[in-house]
Amino acid sequence: MDKTVMLVLIKSRKDTAGKVQSILTAWGCHIRTRLGLHGGTLDQCTDDGLLFLELVGPADRHEEMARKLNLLPGVRAELVRLSVAD
């Protein structure tokens, strides 16, 4: 069994969330699961965040999505590929 996930660290959500969302929407067919995490609530909401994406499809598409996200200032995307032998 193989799984590919992408972790995306966002430094300034208020400044970059729209651009990140646009990229994720364009690559939506390659995202099986998306989980967004950030600290705080209501008026104490933090401006940084972490996205966890479970990806499907060809590896070259995952790499291209990560490359596009990494072009954004204050955004860092890393691919993680995990496998377990049968």
C-alpha atoms as a PDB file:
ATOM      1  CA  MET A   1       0.000   0.000   0.000  1.00  0.00           C
ATOM      2  CA  ASP A   2       1.305   3.441  -0.989  1.00  0.00           C
ATOM      3  CA  LYS A   3       0.104   6.859   0.136  1.00  0.00           C
ATOM      4  CA  THR A   4       1.181  10.344  -0.853  1.00  0.00           C
ATOM      5  CA  VAL A   5       0.464  13.305   1.374  1.00  0.00           C
ATOM      6  CA  MET A   6       1.423  16.935   1.112  1.00  0.00           C
ATOM      7  CA  LEU A   7       2.005  19.186   4.093  1.00  0.00           C
ATOM      8  CA  VAL A   8       1.579  22.890   3.407  1.00  0.00           C
ATOM      9  CA  LEU A   9       2.733  25.439   5.972  1.00  0.00           C
ATOM     10  CA  ILE A  10       1.256  28.912   5.488  1.00  0.00           C
ATOM     11  CA  LYS A  11       2.906  31.832   7.279  1.00  0.00           C
ATOM     12  CA  SER A  12       0.315  34.552   6.663  1.00  0.00           C
ATOM     13  CA  ARG A  13      -3.118  33.071   5.955  1.00  0.00           C
ATOM     14  CA  LYS A  14      -4.778  36.469   5.495  1.00  0.00           C
ATOM     15  CA  ASP A  15      -2.337  37.403   2.725  1.00  0.00           C
ATOM     16  CA  THR A  16      -2.019  34.058   0.938  1.00  0.00           C
ATOM     17  CA  ALA A  17      -5.199  32.040   1.596  1.00  0.00           C
ATOM     18  CA  GLY A  18      -6.882  33.162  -1.625  1.00  0.00           C
ATOM     19  CA  LYS A  19      -3.869  32.252  -3.759  1.00  0.00           C
ATOM     20  CA  VAL A  20      -3.436  28.891  -2.022  1.00  0.00           C
ATOM     21  CA  GLN A  21      -7.157  28.167  -2.454  1.00  0.00           C
ATOM     22  CA  SER A  22      -6.950  28.976  -6.155  1.00  0.00           C
ATOM     23  CA  ILE A  23      -4.144  26.450  -6.657  1.00  0.00           C
ATOM     24  CA  LEU A  24      -5.932  23.785  -4.603  1.00  0.00           C
ATOM     25  CA  THR A  25      -9.129  24.311  -6.603  1.00  0.00           C
ATOM     26  CA  ALA A  26      -7.239  23.893  -9.884  1.00  0.00           C
ATOM     27  CA  TRP A  27      -5.745  20.611  -8.595  1.00  0.00           C
ATOM     28  CA  GLY A  28      -8.869  19.472  -6.746  1.00  0.00           C
ATOM     29  CA  CYS A  29      -9.227  16.177  -8.634  1.00  0.00           C
ATOM     30  CA  HIS A  30      -5.870  15.093  -7.148  1.00  0.00           C
ATOM     31  CA  ILE A  31      -6.905  15.816  -3.538  1.00  0.00           C
ATOM     32  CA  ARG A  32      -8.766  13.014  -1.756  1.00  0.00           C
ATOM     33  CA  THR A  33      -8.609  14.477   1.769  1.00  0.00           C
ATOM     34  CA  ARG A  34      -7.942  18.014   2.959  1.00  0.00           C
ATOM     35  CA  LEU A  35      -7.512  19.067   6.563  1.00  0.00           C
ATOM     36  CA  GLY A  36      -6.719  22.641   7.558  1.00  0.00           C
ATOM     37  CA  LEU A  37      -5.329  23.432  11.000  1.00  0.00           C
ATOM     38  CA  HIS A  38      -4.657  26.743  12.691  1.00  0.00           C
ATOM     39  CA  GLY A  39      -4.543  27.843  16.292  1.00  0.00           C
ATOM     40  CA  GLY A  40      -7.008  30.004  18.113  1.00  0.00           C
ATOM     41  CA  THR A  41     -10.663  30.828  17.621  1.00  0.00           C
ATOM     42  CA  LEU A  42     -12.794  33.869  16.928  1.00  0.00           C
ATOM     43  CA  ASP A  43     -10.862  37.048  17.849  1.00  0.00           C
ATOM     44  CA  GLN A  44      -7.733  35.089  18.838  1.00  0.00           C
ATOM     45  CA  CYS A  45      -7.304  33.317  15.499  1.00  0.00           C
ATOM     46  CA  THR A  46      -3.668  32.843  14.464  1.00  0.00           C
ATOM     47  CA  ASP A  47      -2.441  33.989  11.075  1.00  0.00           C
ATOM     48  CA  ASP A  48      -0.413  30.861  10.308  1.00  0.00           C
ATOM     49  CA  GLY A  49      -1.762  27.471   9.345  1.00  0.00           C
ATOM     50  CA  LEU A  50      -1.027  23.938   8.253  1.00  0.00           C
ATOM     51  CA  LEU A  51      -2.779  21.983   5.520  1.00  0.00           C
ATOM     52  CA  PHE A  52      -2.690  18.208   5.308  1.00  0.00           C
ATOM     53  CA  LEU A  53      -3.582  16.861   1.846  1.00  0.00           C
ATOM     54  CA  GLU A  54      -3.992  13.204   0.915  1.00  0.00           C
ATOM     55  CA  LEU A  55      -3.235  13.022  -2.809  1.00  0.00           C
ATOM     56  CA  VAL A  56      -4.205  10.672  -5.619  1.00  0.00           C
ATOM     57  CA  GLY A  57      -3.038  10.368  -9.214  1.00  0.00           C
ATOM     58  CA  PRO A  58       0.385  10.540 -10.867  1.00  0.00           C
ATOM     59  CA  ALA A  59       3.444  11.648  -8.886  1.00  0.00           C
ATOM     60  CA  ASP A  60       4.428  14.249 -11.486  1.00  0.00           C
ATOM     61  CA  ARG A  61       1.120  16.075 -10.875  1.00  0.00           C
ATOM     62  CA  HIS A  62       1.779  16.110  -7.121  1.00  0.00           C
ATOM     63  CA  GLU A  63       5.244  17.554  -7.716  1.00  0.00           C
ATOM     64  CA  GLU A  64       3.837  20.263  -9.978  1.00  0.00           C
ATOM     65  CA  MET A  65       1.224  21.257  -7.392  1.00  0.00           C
ATOM     66  CA  ALA A  66       3.944  21.481  -4.717  1.00  0.00           C
ATOM     67  CA  ARG A  67       6.116  23.560  -7.060  1.00  0.00           C
ATOM     68  CA  LYS A  68       3.275  26.031  -7.671  1.00  0.00           C
ATOM     69  CA  LEU A  69       2.515  26.343  -3.960  1.00  0.00           C
ATOM     70  CA  ASN A  70       6.208  26.877  -3.158  1.00  0.00           C
ATOM     71  CA  LEU A  71       6.288  29.854  -5.546  1.00  0.00           C
ATOM     72  CA  LEU A  72       3.994  31.757  -3.172  1.00  0.00           C
ATOM     73  CA  PRO A  73       5.747  33.903  -0.548  1.00  0.00           C
ATOM     74  CA  GLY A  74       5.212  32.562   2.962  1.00  0.00           C
ATOM     75  CA  VAL A  75       4.118  29.103   1.766  1.00  0.00           C
ATOM     76  CA  ARG A  76       6.112  25.874   2.085  1.00  0.00           C
ATOM     77  CA  ALA A  77       4.823  22.605   0.606  1.00  0.00           C
ATOM     78  CA  GLU A  78       6.454  19.201   1.145  1.00  0.00           C
ATOM     79  CA  LEU A  79       5.479  15.860  -0.367  1.00  0.00           C
ATOM     80  CA  VAL A  80       5.661  12.727   1.748  1.00  0.00           C
ATOM     81  CA  ARG A  81       5.403   9.291   0.168  1.00  0.00           C
ATOM     82  CA  LEU A  82       4.782   6.352   2.463  1.00  0.00           C
ATOM     83  CA  SER A  83       4.573   2.677   1.655  1.00  0.00           C
ATOM     84  CA  VAL A  84       4.143  -0.510   3.598  1.00  0.00           C
ATOM     85  CA  ALA A  85       5.299  -3.814   2.165  1.00  0.00           C
ATOM     86  CA  ASP A  86       2.581  -6.409   1.669  1.00  0.00           C
END
